[in-house]
Amino acid sequence: MIEENRTKKLDTGILCSRNNFNRTYNLQFFADGPGGEKTEEASPKKIADARKEGQVAKSMELVSGATLITFFFVLRFLIGNLSDNLVSSFPLFYKYIDVLAKEEISSAIVGTIIQDVSLHIIKISLPIIGIIFAIIILVNIIQVKPQITTKPLGPKLDMLNPVNGFKRMFSKDKIVVLIKDTLKVFLVMYIAYSTLISELDALINLYDMDLMQAIVYIGDLVLSLGISIGIMYMMLGIVDLFYQKFKFKRDLRMTKQEVKEELKQTDGNPQIKSRQRSKMREVSARRMMQSIPEADVVITNPTHFAVAIKYDTELGTAPLVLAKGADFLAAKIKERAKENKVPIVENKPLARMLYFNVEIGEEIPPELYELTAQVLAYVYSLNGEGPNINEEN
């Protein structure tokens, strides 16, 4: 019975351990591919690469609104000039009607007619087209800094994948586009309805107006309606621009693994760079230890810090720090100094100040001259010699 109870307890313990293991095992790291979820902001490199691919945050509604407003404003101010040009074009068209009536129709005559009429139409519409084209470029430049790239013109094979196409059809972005388009249709209908209702009395009496008066009235009504719709597009475009910028940042987010891979590509492998820094420290420490026999004295804390200095007027006007170290390295410096019979002097304040304020190969600052001079004087008195001074001095 005791043995059975022990066996049951053992089985229960194993089962609990397995259950605990299953509960703590988390697959979220693999949820979004290598590196886990995309929680990191896009790096400048990824943003630049996206720009090269033609991916930018801009609102087409803003461009459409600016285009509509510009078109109707230009039309309002140039309507007189356009009318004069259209009236002057009637003799040209009548002339060709007379030519076609009197002569036999041929390809040369038809070609000449098409060429002349096309040039006349271009001459009339060129000012409007030029201004609108300039506004489109200006609005795009305001939204996104210009950068010439041909990559968006290249074929994209993933666009032919029916699975990807199905995913795009039912993505969150497509739902946002559907809501936006529905809102645009509703607003256009509302603006048109409100405008026509407000002008209902004038529209009813339209048949009582003169022809030119009716034409002017209808033209003003169409221009006013077009400008109102353009303003609506502009307001919707400003909101859409903020959304596009948010979406652009969201789509370019990176996983932690992607950030690491990019760092490896740009800055090199961190492990390799760490090994290189370690090698450089080893070489620097080896050179430092080789310079200790040339030191005049090693100043210690006594256990935590050790600083080796040398005063040679040929090297500088003040003592130089040849080596310094803390803890283990300090012990190695003192050991090396003992092997080469370099004096070791304990001076806690000076050792700490030299260690934290003076780099290897630098002269000590003027604030520490007096303390350092006392130590050097003590060492020279022990050895019965002074610093290495030129004979000229």
Protein backbone atom coordinates (compact mmCIF):
# COMPACT_ATOMS: atom_id res chain seq x y z
CA MET A 1 0.00 0.00 0.00
CA ILE A 2 2.81 2.40 0.88
CA GLU A 3 4.57 1.54 -2.34
CA GLU A 4 1.38 2.18 -4.36
CA ASN A 5 0.92 5.59 -2.71
CA ARG A 6 4.52 6.49 -3.54
CA THR A 7 3.96 5.45 -7.15
CA LYS A 8 0.77 7.56 -7.39
CA LYS A 9 2.54 10.58 -5.91
CA LEU A 10 5.41 10.14 -8.31
CA ASP A 11 3.03 9.88 -11.30
CA THR A 12 1.08 12.92 -10.08
CA GLY A 13 4.28 14.92 -9.72
CA ILE A 14 5.38 14.03 -13.23
CA LEU A 15 1.93 14.96 -14.58
CA CYS A 16 1.98 18.31 -12.76
CA SER A 17 5.43 19.01 -14.10
CA ARG A 18 4.25 18.26 -17.61
CA ASN A 19 1.18 20.46 -17.17
CA ASN A 20 3.30 23.29 -15.84
CA PHE A 21 5.65 22.94 -18.77
CA ASN A 22 2.73 23.09 -21.20
CA ARG A 23 1.32 26.18 -19.52
CA THR A 24 4.57 28.10 -19.68
CA TYR A 25 5.37 27.13 -23.26
CA ASN A 26 4.49 30.19 -25.35
CA LEU A 27 4.34 30.22 -29.15
CA GLN A 28 3.60 33.94 -29.44
CA PHE A 29 7.19 34.54 -30.47
CA PHE A 30 6.45 32.72 -33.75
CA ALA A 31 3.09 34.43 -34.33
CA ASP A 32 4.24 36.88 -37.00
CA GLY A 33 7.15 35.12 -38.56
CA PRO A 34 10.80 35.41 -37.60
CA GLY A 35 11.32 37.61 -34.59
CA GLY A 36 7.71 37.72 -33.32
CA GLU A 37 5.34 40.66 -33.53
CA LYS A 38 6.20 43.86 -35.38
CA THR A 39 6.54 46.14 -32.37
CA GLU A 40 9.60 48.22 -33.36
CA GLU A 41 9.42 51.53 -35.23
CA ALA A 42 10.81 51.50 -38.76
CA SER A 43 14.48 52.41 -39.04
CA PRO A 44 15.65 55.24 -41.33
CA LYS A 45 17.12 52.62 -43.66
CA LYS A 46 13.80 50.79 -44.04
CA ILE A 47 11.96 54.08 -44.65
CA ALA A 48 14.53 55.01 -47.31
CA ASP A 49 14.18 51.58 -48.96
CA ALA A 50 10.39 51.99 -48.96
CA ARG A 51 10.77 55.38 -50.66
CA LYS A 52 12.91 53.77 -53.35
CA GLU A 53 10.13 51.22 -53.90
CA GLY A 54 7.61 54.04 -54.30
CA GLN A 55 5.89 53.49 -50.94
CA VAL A 56 4.93 56.88 -49.50
CA ALA A 57 2.25 58.30 -47.23
CA LYS A 58 0.06 60.62 -49.26
CA SER A 59 -3.65 61.28 -49.80
CA MET A 60 -5.13 61.20 -53.29
CA GLU A 61 -8.25 62.96 -51.94
CA LEU A 62 -6.05 65.96 -51.14
CA VAL A 63 -4.80 65.99 -54.73
CA SER A 64 -8.34 65.60 -56.11
CA GLY A 65 -9.66 68.41 -53.91
CA ALA A 66 -6.88 70.80 -54.92
CA THR A 67 -7.40 69.88 -58.58
CA LEU A 68 -11.17 70.50 -58.45
CA ILE A 69 -10.83 73.82 -56.63
CA THR A 70 -8.12 74.99 -59.04
CA PHE A 71 -10.08 73.91 -62.11
CA PHE A 72 -13.27 75.73 -61.15
CA PHE A 73 -11.46 78.84 -59.90
CA VAL A 74 -9.43 79.05 -63.12
CA LEU A 75 -12.60 78.41 -65.11
CA ARG A 76 -14.34 81.25 -63.25
CA PHE A 77 -11.57 83.75 -64.02
CA LEU A 78 -10.84 82.59 -67.58
CA ILE A 79 -14.41 81.96 -68.69
CA GLY A 80 -14.50 85.24 -70.67
CA ASN A 81 -11.30 84.43 -72.55
CA LEU A 82 -12.47 80.87 -73.18
CA SER A 83 -15.78 82.13 -74.55
CA ASP A 84 -14.02 84.51 -76.95
CA ASN A 85 -11.75 81.70 -78.17
CA LEU A 86 -14.70 79.37 -78.69
CA VAL A 87 -16.62 82.05 -80.61
CA SER A 88 -13.58 82.76 -82.78
CA SER A 89 -13.24 79.06 -83.55
CA PHE A 90 -16.65 78.81 -85.26
CA PRO A 91 -15.41 80.38 -88.58
CA LEU A 92 -12.64 77.76 -88.62
CA PHE A 93 -15.11 74.89 -88.25
CA TYR A 94 -17.51 76.41 -90.82
CA LYS A 95 -14.61 76.78 -93.28
CA TYR A 96 -13.90 73.05 -93.08
CA ILE A 97 -17.58 72.25 -93.54
CA ASP A 98 -17.51 74.27 -96.76
CA VAL A 99 -14.32 72.51 -97.87
CA LEU A 100 -15.83 69.08 -97.25
CA ALA A 101 -18.95 70.07 -99.15
CA LYS A 102 -17.09 71.30 -102.25
CA GLU A 103 -14.15 68.88 -102.47
CA GLU A 104 -13.86 65.13 -102.46
CA ILE A 105 -13.02 63.74 -99.03
CA SER A 106 -9.50 62.37 -98.79
CA SER A 107 -7.14 61.25 -96.06
CA ALA A 108 -4.98 64.36 -96.56
CA ILE A 109 -7.93 66.72 -96.06
CA VAL A 110 -9.19 64.80 -93.00
CA GLY A 111 -5.67 64.79 -91.54
CA THR A 112 -5.32 68.54 -92.04
CA ILE A 113 -8.71 69.18 -90.42
CA ILE A 114 -7.91 66.99 -87.40
CA GLN A 115 -4.50 68.64 -86.97
CA ASP A 116 -5.86 72.21 -87.11
CA VAL A 117 -8.80 71.49 -84.81
CA SER A 118 -6.56 69.68 -82.30
CA LEU A 119 -4.06 72.54 -82.21
CA HIS A 120 -6.89 75.01 -81.71
CA ILE A 121 -8.35 72.98 -78.83
CA ILE A 122 -4.90 72.63 -77.22
CA LYS A 123 -4.35 76.38 -77.52
CA ILE A 124 -7.66 77.05 -75.74
CA SER A 125 -7.22 74.44 -72.96
CA LEU A 126 -3.45 74.72 -72.42
CA PRO A 127 -3.59 77.45 -69.72
CA ILE A 128 -6.06 75.42 -67.61
CA ILE A 129 -4.17 72.14 -68.12
CA GLY A 130 -0.84 73.80 -67.26
CA ILE A 131 -2.12 75.36 -64.04
CA ILE A 132 -3.83 72.14 -62.91
CA PHE A 133 -0.70 70.10 -63.68
CA ALA A 134 1.41 72.53 -61.62
CA ILE A 135 -1.04 72.32 -58.69
CA ILE A 136 -0.96 68.49 -58.77
CA ILE A 137 2.85 68.49 -58.63
CA LEU A 138 2.86 71.13 -55.85
CA VAL A 139 0.38 69.23 -53.65
CA ASN A 140 2.34 65.99 -54.06
CA ILE A 141 5.60 67.75 -53.18
CA ILE A 142 3.99 69.28 -50.07
CA GLN A 143 2.91 65.80 -48.94
CA VAL A 144 6.08 63.91 -49.88
CA LYS A 145 9.58 65.11 -50.70
CA PRO A 146 10.33 64.42 -54.37
CA GLN A 147 12.41 61.37 -55.25
CA ILE A 148 12.65 59.90 -58.73
CA THR A 149 12.30 56.12 -58.89
CA THR A 150 11.22 53.71 -61.61
CA LYS A 151 10.62 50.67 -59.39
CA PRO A 152 6.84 51.22 -59.05
CA LEU A 153 6.61 50.89 -62.85
CA GLY A 154 8.15 47.42 -62.81
CA PRO A 155 6.00 44.25 -62.83
CA LYS A 156 5.03 42.77 -59.46
CA LEU A 157 4.45 39.03 -59.62
CA ASP A 158 2.73 38.92 -56.22
CA MET A 159 -0.09 41.03 -57.71
CA LEU A 160 -0.91 38.03 -59.95
CA ASN A 161 -1.23 35.68 -56.97
CA PRO A 162 -4.97 35.01 -56.44
CA VAL A 163 -4.42 34.20 -52.76
CA ASN A 164 -2.77 37.56 -52.12
CA GLY A 165 -5.49 39.27 -54.14
CA PHE A 166 -8.17 37.60 -52.03
CA LYS A 167 -6.40 38.73 -48.84
CA ARG A 168 -6.18 42.29 -50.14
CA MET A 169 -9.90 42.30 -50.97
CA PHE A 170 -10.87 41.55 -47.38
CA SER A 171 -8.10 43.40 -45.55
CA LYS A 172 -8.64 46.16 -42.99
CA ASP A 173 -7.28 48.71 -45.44
CA LYS A 174 -9.89 47.79 -48.04
CA ILE A 175 -12.62 48.24 -45.43
CA VAL A 176 -11.27 51.71 -44.68
CA VAL A 177 -11.22 52.52 -48.42
CA LEU A 178 -14.83 51.30 -48.76
CA ILE A 179 -15.93 53.49 -45.85
CA LYS A 180 -14.04 56.45 -47.30
CA ASP A 181 -15.57 56.03 -50.78
CA THR A 182 -19.07 55.63 -49.31
CA LEU A 183 -18.56 58.80 -47.29
CA LYS A 184 -17.40 60.69 -50.40
CA VAL A 185 -20.50 59.64 -52.38
CA PHE A 186 -22.78 60.62 -49.49
CA LEU A 187 -21.10 64.01 -49.06
CA VAL A 188 -21.19 64.78 -52.81
CA MET A 189 -24.89 63.90 -52.93
CA TYR A 190 -25.56 66.00 -49.83
CA ILE A 191 -23.70 69.04 -51.22
CA ALA A 192 -25.47 68.74 -54.59
CA TYR A 193 -28.87 68.33 -52.93
CA SER A 194 -28.32 71.25 -50.54
CA THR A 195 -27.12 73.52 -53.36
CA LEU A 196 -30.00 72.66 -55.69
CA ILE A 197 -32.60 73.02 -52.92
CA SER A 198 -31.26 76.46 -52.03
CA GLU A 199 -31.56 77.49 -55.72
CA LEU A 200 -34.90 75.80 -56.31
CA ASP A 201 -36.89 79.02 -56.88
CA ALA A 202 -34.38 80.29 -59.46
CA LEU A 203 -34.33 76.91 -61.22
CA ILE A 204 -38.14 76.91 -61.49
CA ASN A 205 -38.04 80.35 -63.15
CA LEU A 206 -35.19 79.34 -65.48
CA TYR A 207 -37.50 79.21 -68.53
CA ASP A 208 -38.46 82.86 -67.98
CA MET A 209 -34.83 84.03 -68.30
CA ASP A 210 -33.05 85.13 -71.46
CA LEU A 211 -30.73 82.58 -73.06
CA MET A 212 -27.49 84.32 -72.08
CA GLN A 213 -28.81 85.07 -68.59
CA ALA A 214 -29.76 81.40 -68.13
CA ILE A 215 -26.35 80.26 -69.40
CA VAL A 216 -24.54 82.61 -67.01
CA TYR A 217 -26.72 81.45 -64.11
CA ILE A 218 -26.17 77.73 -64.83
CA GLY A 219 -22.44 78.37 -65.23
CA ASP A 220 -22.24 80.15 -61.86
CA LEU A 221 -24.23 77.35 -60.23
CA VAL A 222 -21.93 74.65 -61.66
CA LEU A 223 -18.80 76.58 -60.60
CA SER A 224 -20.13 77.09 -57.06
CA LEU A 225 -21.09 73.42 -56.80
CA GLY A 226 -17.67 72.30 -58.09
CA ILE A 227 -15.78 74.53 -55.64
CA SER A 228 -17.91 73.23 -52.72
CA ILE A 229 -17.19 69.63 -53.69
CA GLY A 230 -13.48 70.49 -54.03
CA ILE A 231 -13.42 72.00 -50.52
CA MET A 232 -15.09 68.84 -49.20
CA TYR A 233 -12.41 66.72 -50.87
CA MET A 234 -9.69 68.93 -49.36
CA MET A 235 -11.09 68.52 -45.83
CA LEU A 236 -11.47 64.78 -46.31
CA GLY A 237 -7.95 64.66 -47.79
CA ILE A 238 -6.39 66.34 -44.74
CA VAL A 239 -7.95 63.70 -42.47
CA ASP A 240 -6.91 60.96 -44.91
CA LEU A 241 -3.32 62.27 -44.97
CA PHE A 242 -3.00 61.77 -41.21
CA TYR A 243 -4.41 58.26 -41.60
CA GLN A 244 -2.02 57.46 -44.45
CA LYS A 245 0.97 58.58 -42.36
CA PHE A 246 -0.24 56.38 -39.47
CA LYS A 247 -0.77 53.45 -41.84
CA PHE A 248 2.64 53.97 -43.45
CA LYS A 249 4.40 53.82 -40.05
CA ARG A 250 2.32 50.81 -39.01
CA ASP A 251 3.05 48.85 -42.19
CA LEU A 252 6.80 49.51 -41.92
CA ARG A 253 7.12 48.34 -38.32
CA MET A 254 9.82 45.78 -37.74
CA THR A 255 10.26 42.72 -35.56
CA LYS A 256 13.12 42.57 -33.10
CA GLN A 257 14.78 39.98 -35.32
CA GLU A 258 14.55 42.31 -38.34
CA VAL A 259 16.17 45.09 -36.32
CA LYS A 260 19.04 42.76 -35.37
CA GLU A 261 19.50 41.63 -38.98
CA GLU A 262 19.57 45.23 -40.19
CA LEU A 263 22.15 46.15 -37.58
CA LYS A 264 24.27 43.26 -38.78
CA GLN A 265 24.04 44.51 -42.37
CA THR A 266 24.78 48.15 -41.57
CA ASP A 267 27.16 47.97 -38.62
CA GLY A 268 28.43 44.43 -38.93
CA ASN A 269 27.79 41.43 -36.72
CA PRO A 270 27.66 42.59 -33.06
CA GLN A 271 29.47 39.43 -31.92
CA ILE A 272 32.30 40.05 -34.38
CA LYS A 273 32.53 43.71 -33.35
CA SER A 274 32.57 42.65 -29.69
CA ARG A 275 35.44 40.27 -30.38
CA GLN A 276 37.28 43.02 -32.27
CA ARG A 277 36.87 45.42 -29.34
CA SER A 278 38.07 42.70 -26.98
CA LYS A 279 41.16 42.15 -29.14
CA MET A 280 41.83 45.89 -29.20
CA ARG A 281 41.58 46.06 -25.42
CA GLU A 282 43.99 43.14 -25.12
CA VAL A 283 46.50 44.82 -27.42
CA SER A 284 46.12 48.12 -25.55
CA ALA A 285 46.59 46.39 -22.19
CA ARG A 286 49.67 44.55 -23.48
CA ARG A 287 51.25 47.79 -24.67
CA MET A 288 50.38 49.44 -21.37
CA MET A 289 52.00 46.65 -19.35
CA GLN A 290 55.13 46.89 -21.52
CA SER A 291 55.49 50.60 -20.66
CA ILE A 292 55.43 50.08 -16.86
CA PRO A 293 59.22 49.43 -16.54
CA GLU A 294 59.76 52.98 -17.88
CA ALA A 295 57.59 54.52 -15.11
CA ASP A 296 59.06 56.58 -12.28
CA VAL A 297 56.44 55.50 -9.78
CA VAL A 298 53.15 53.58 -9.44
CA ILE A 299 50.59 55.35 -7.28
CA THR A 300 48.01 53.06 -5.63
CA ASN A 301 44.76 53.24 -3.70
CA PRO A 302 46.21 50.72 -2.43
CA THR A 303 44.09 47.79 -3.70
CA HIS A 304 41.48 49.17 -6.08
CA PHE A 305 43.46 51.54 -8.31
CA ALA A 306 46.98 51.76 -9.68
CA VAL A 307 48.41 54.51 -11.91
CA ALA A 308 51.94 54.48 -13.38
CA ILE A 309 53.43 57.89 -14.20
CA LYS A 310 56.69 59.14 -15.71
CA TYR A 311 58.23 62.60 -15.71
CA ASP A 312 60.58 63.28 -18.61
CA THR A 313 61.06 66.83 -19.85
CA GLU A 314 61.88 65.46 -23.30
CA LEU A 315 58.36 64.02 -23.50
CA GLY A 316 56.44 66.96 -22.04
CA THR A 317 56.26 69.71 -19.47
CA ALA A 318 54.33 67.60 -16.96
CA PRO A 319 54.33 63.95 -15.83
CA LEU A 320 52.61 61.47 -18.16
CA VAL A 321 50.25 58.63 -17.26
CA LEU A 322 51.77 55.49 -18.77
CA ALA A 323 49.28 52.96 -17.39
CA LYS A 324 46.27 52.72 -15.12
CA GLY A 325 43.89 50.04 -13.97
CA ALA A 326 41.35 48.98 -11.37
CA ASP A 327 41.04 45.82 -9.27
CA PHE A 328 42.55 42.89 -11.24
CA LEU A 329 44.38 45.13 -13.68
CA ALA A 330 45.67 47.24 -10.78
CA ALA A 331 47.11 44.11 -9.21
CA LYS A 332 48.82 43.21 -12.51
CA ILE A 333 50.30 46.72 -12.75
CA LYS A 334 51.72 46.48 -9.22
CA GLU A 335 53.06 42.99 -9.92
CA ARG A 336 54.76 44.22 -13.09
CA ALA A 337 56.17 47.22 -11.18
CA LYS A 338 57.65 44.96 -8.49
CA GLU A 339 59.27 42.76 -11.14
CA ASN A 340 60.99 45.80 -12.63
CA LYS A 341 61.75 47.47 -9.28
CA VAL A 342 59.50 50.47 -9.97
CA PRO A 343 58.60 52.25 -6.70
CA ILE A 344 55.02 51.84 -5.49
CA VAL A 345 53.61 54.67 -3.40
CA GLU A 346 50.22 54.61 -1.68
CA ASN A 347 48.24 57.82 -2.08
CA LYS A 348 44.49 57.18 -2.14
CA PRO A 349 43.20 60.65 -3.21
CA LEU A 350 45.82 61.10 -5.94
CA ALA A 351 45.35 57.57 -7.29
CA ARG A 352 41.59 58.03 -7.59
CA MET A 353 41.87 61.48 -9.20
CA LEU A 354 44.46 60.31 -11.72
CA TYR A 355 42.45 57.19 -12.59
CA PHE A 356 39.17 59.02 -13.22
CA ASN A 357 40.49 62.24 -14.78
CA VAL A 358 43.57 61.43 -16.86
CA GLU A 359 43.71 59.06 -19.83
CA ILE A 360 46.71 56.92 -20.74
CA GLY A 361 49.31 58.96 -22.61
CA GLU A 362 47.99 62.29 -21.33
CA GLU A 363 49.77 64.77 -19.08
CA ILE A 364 48.38 65.29 -15.60
CA PRO A 365 46.34 68.50 -15.19
CA PRO A 366 47.77 71.54 -13.35
CA GLU A 367 45.44 70.93 -10.39
CA LEU A 368 47.36 67.74 -9.57
CA TYR A 369 50.88 69.13 -10.02
CA GLU A 370 51.49 69.70 -6.32
CA LEU A 371 50.32 66.28 -5.14
CA THR A 372 52.22 64.53 -7.93
CA ALA A 373 55.35 66.57 -7.26
CA GLN A 374 55.32 65.50 -3.60
CA VAL A 375 55.18 61.83 -4.62
CA LEU A 376 57.93 62.23 -7.23
CA ALA A 377 60.11 64.15 -4.77
CA TYR A 378 59.70 61.33 -2.29
CA VAL A 379 60.66 58.73 -4.92
CA TYR A 380 63.66 60.74 -6.13
CA SER A 381 64.85 61.14 -2.54
CA LEU A 382 64.76 57.37 -2.13
CA ASN A 383 66.72 56.79 -5.33
CA GLY A 384 68.99 59.79 -4.94
CA GLU A 385 68.16 61.06 -8.46
CA GLY A 386 65.87 63.50 -10.23
CA PRO A 387 63.82 63.46 -13.38
CA ASN A 388 65.36 63.10 -16.83
CA ILE A 389 66.16 66.73 -17.77
CA ASN A 390 67.97 67.94 -20.90
CA GLU A 391 71.50 69.26 -20.37
CA GLU A 392 70.41 72.56 -21.99
CA ASN A 393 67.98 73.05 -19.11
